Amino acid sequence: MAMTVGATEEDEVLSAINTTPLVDVMLVLLIIFLITIPVVTHTVPVELPKERNQPRVTKPENINISVARDGGVYWNEKRVAGNDELLKQLKGIASVEPQPEVQIRGDGGAPYEFVGKVVLACQRAGILKLGFITDPPPLH
């Protein structure tokens, strides 16, 4: 039986880290992410409209309907009693040739429900031209 004294090649400590498994794992993760990211994004391909804000001159025959923050509806600066009265007035102008445009000025703090009721009344009355009046965006 022989006995060796001293260090052999097998007993030496490796001071370098083997990075091959790490690189393999990173490449696999990269491939997985490249494959799954397009699958995760579920969007319908649509072309969104570009912002075009062109100030228009209001014609005198146009009807301005204002919707206040509290839900009050105003027909050319005169308060309308209720939805039935608004529908009656809208049906009256729907039969005029050429039909005037109805322009809605909704308060920014008003719930959409109030503006939606005016739009619904215009639809029921048969109004063909409906527009919304807004403030122009600030210049940068």
Protein backbone atom coordinates (compact mmCIF):
# COMPACT_ATOMS: atom_id res chain seq x y z
CA MET A 1 0.00 0.00 0.00
CA ALA A 2 1.46 3.25 -1.05
CA MET A 3 0.84 6.63 0.43
CA THR A 4 1.53 9.93 -1.21
CA VAL A 5 2.26 13.02 0.71
CA GLY A 6 1.58 16.42 -0.77
CA ALA A 7 -1.01 17.93 -3.07
CA THR A 8 -2.04 16.27 -6.29
CA GLU A 9 -3.82 17.72 -9.31
CA GLU A 10 -7.20 16.52 -8.06
CA ASP A 11 -6.88 18.32 -4.77
CA GLU A 12 -6.28 21.77 -6.25
CA VAL A 13 -9.10 24.28 -5.74
CA LEU A 14 -10.55 25.79 -8.88
CA SER A 15 -10.57 29.57 -8.60
CA ALA A 16 -12.54 30.28 -11.83
CA ILE A 17 -16.35 30.16 -11.98
CA ASN A 18 -17.81 28.05 -14.73
CA THR A 19 -20.18 30.47 -16.52
CA THR A 20 -21.35 28.09 -19.23
CA PRO A 21 -24.48 26.93 -17.33
CA LEU A 22 -25.32 30.55 -16.48
CA VAL A 23 -25.09 31.59 -20.13
CA ASP A 24 -27.23 28.62 -21.15
CA VAL A 25 -29.95 29.54 -18.67
CA MET A 26 -29.91 33.21 -19.74
CA LEU A 27 -30.23 32.29 -23.42
CA VAL A 28 -33.19 30.02 -22.67
CA LEU A 29 -34.88 32.81 -20.68
CA LEU A 30 -34.23 35.28 -23.49
CA ILE A 31 -35.83 32.97 -26.04
CA ILE A 32 -38.84 32.39 -23.77
CA PHE A 33 -39.37 36.15 -23.32
CA LEU A 34 -39.01 36.84 -27.03
CA ILE A 35 -41.66 34.25 -27.80
CA THR A 36 -44.17 35.17 -25.07
CA ILE A 37 -44.14 38.98 -25.20
CA PRO A 38 -45.99 39.28 -28.56
CA VAL A 39 -48.56 36.76 -27.33
CA VAL A 40 -49.21 38.68 -24.10
CA THR A 41 -49.98 42.01 -25.77
CA HIS A 42 -53.60 41.63 -26.86
CA THR A 43 -54.43 44.77 -28.78
CA VAL A 44 -56.64 45.19 -31.77
CA PRO A 45 -54.70 46.88 -34.56
CA VAL A 46 -56.50 50.17 -35.14
CA GLU A 47 -55.35 53.48 -36.51
CA LEU A 48 -56.10 56.13 -33.92
CA PRO A 49 -57.26 59.54 -35.10
CA LYS A 50 -54.80 62.40 -35.03
CA GLU A 51 -55.68 65.52 -33.09
CA ARG A 52 -57.12 68.14 -35.37
CA ASN A 53 -58.66 71.09 -33.62
CA GLN A 54 -59.82 73.67 -36.09
CA PRO A 55 -61.85 76.55 -34.67
CA ARG A 56 -65.14 76.96 -36.47
CA VAL A 57 -67.44 79.92 -36.64
CA THR A 58 -70.84 79.17 -35.16
CA LYS A 59 -73.66 79.93 -37.55
CA PRO A 60 -76.61 81.83 -36.14
CA GLU A 61 -79.02 79.02 -37.02
CA ASN A 62 -77.06 76.45 -34.98
CA ILE A 63 -78.57 75.37 -31.69
CA ASN A 64 -76.28 75.59 -28.64
CA ILE A 65 -77.23 73.27 -25.79
CA SER A 66 -75.25 73.77 -22.59
CA VAL A 67 -75.08 71.15 -19.84
CA ALA A 68 -74.20 72.57 -16.44
CA ARG A 69 -72.33 70.80 -13.67
CA ASP A 70 -75.55 70.25 -11.71
CA GLY A 71 -77.30 68.67 -14.72
CA GLY A 72 -79.20 71.75 -15.86
CA VAL A 73 -79.76 71.90 -19.62
CA TYR A 74 -79.84 75.27 -21.41
CA TRP A 75 -81.16 75.85 -24.94
CA ASN A 76 -79.36 78.91 -26.35
CA GLU A 77 -78.85 80.29 -22.81
CA LYS A 78 -82.48 79.57 -21.73
CA ARG A 79 -83.05 76.79 -19.20
CA VAL A 80 -85.04 73.76 -20.41
CA ALA A 81 -87.59 72.38 -17.93
CA GLY A 82 -86.79 68.69 -18.43
CA ASN A 83 -85.91 65.90 -20.86
CA ASP A 84 -89.44 65.81 -22.32
CA GLU A 85 -89.34 69.53 -23.07
CA LEU A 86 -85.88 69.16 -24.63
CA LEU A 87 -87.07 66.27 -26.82
CA LYS A 88 -90.10 68.33 -27.94
CA GLN A 89 -87.91 71.29 -28.94
CA LEU A 90 -85.42 69.02 -30.73
CA LYS A 91 -88.20 67.34 -32.72
CA GLY A 92 -89.34 70.83 -33.75
CA ILE A 93 -85.97 71.70 -35.28
CA ALA A 94 -85.44 68.22 -36.75
CA SER A 95 -88.13 68.87 -39.35
CA VAL A 96 -86.57 72.15 -40.56
CA GLU A 97 -84.80 72.09 -43.96
CA PRO A 98 -81.82 72.40 -43.91
CA GLN A 99 -81.53 70.96 -40.45
CA PRO A 100 -79.42 73.14 -38.13
CA GLU A 101 -76.49 71.64 -36.27
CA VAL A 102 -76.89 70.98 -32.55
CA GLN A 103 -73.76 71.88 -30.61
CA ILE A 104 -73.39 70.58 -27.06
CA ARG A 105 -71.31 72.48 -24.53
CA GLY A 106 -70.79 70.16 -21.56
CA ASP A 107 -69.23 71.34 -18.32
CA GLY A 108 -65.93 69.56 -17.65
CA GLY A 109 -67.01 68.67 -14.12
CA ALA A 110 -70.44 67.37 -15.11
CA PRO A 111 -70.99 63.61 -15.02
CA TYR A 112 -71.22 62.06 -18.48
CA GLU A 113 -74.77 60.91 -17.65
CA PHE A 114 -76.10 64.46 -18.10
CA VAL A 115 -74.41 64.92 -21.47
CA GLY A 116 -75.47 61.40 -22.49
CA LYS A 117 -79.12 62.26 -21.86
CA VAL A 118 -78.85 65.22 -24.24
CA VAL A 119 -77.18 63.04 -26.90
CA LEU A 120 -79.93 60.43 -26.48
CA ALA A 121 -82.61 63.11 -26.85
CA CYS A 122 -80.93 64.32 -30.07
CA GLN A 123 -80.85 60.76 -31.39
CA ARG A 124 -84.53 60.18 -30.57
CA ALA A 125 -85.52 63.46 -32.22
CA GLY A 126 -83.70 62.56 -35.44
CA ILE A 127 -80.96 65.19 -35.32
CA LEU A 128 -78.39 64.42 -38.02
CA LYS A 129 -75.69 66.97 -37.18
CA LEU A 130 -74.36 66.88 -33.63
CA GLY A 131 -71.17 68.50 -32.41
CA PHE A 132 -69.33 69.06 -29.15
CA ILE A 133 -67.80 72.42 -28.23
CA THR A 134 -64.50 72.19 -26.33
CA ASP A 135 -61.71 74.54 -25.35
CA PRO A 136 -58.64 74.28 -27.55
CA PRO A 137 -55.63 72.53 -26.02
CA PRO A 138 -53.00 74.85 -24.52
CA LEU A 139 -50.11 75.83 -26.76
CA HIS A 140 -46.76 74.51 -25.63
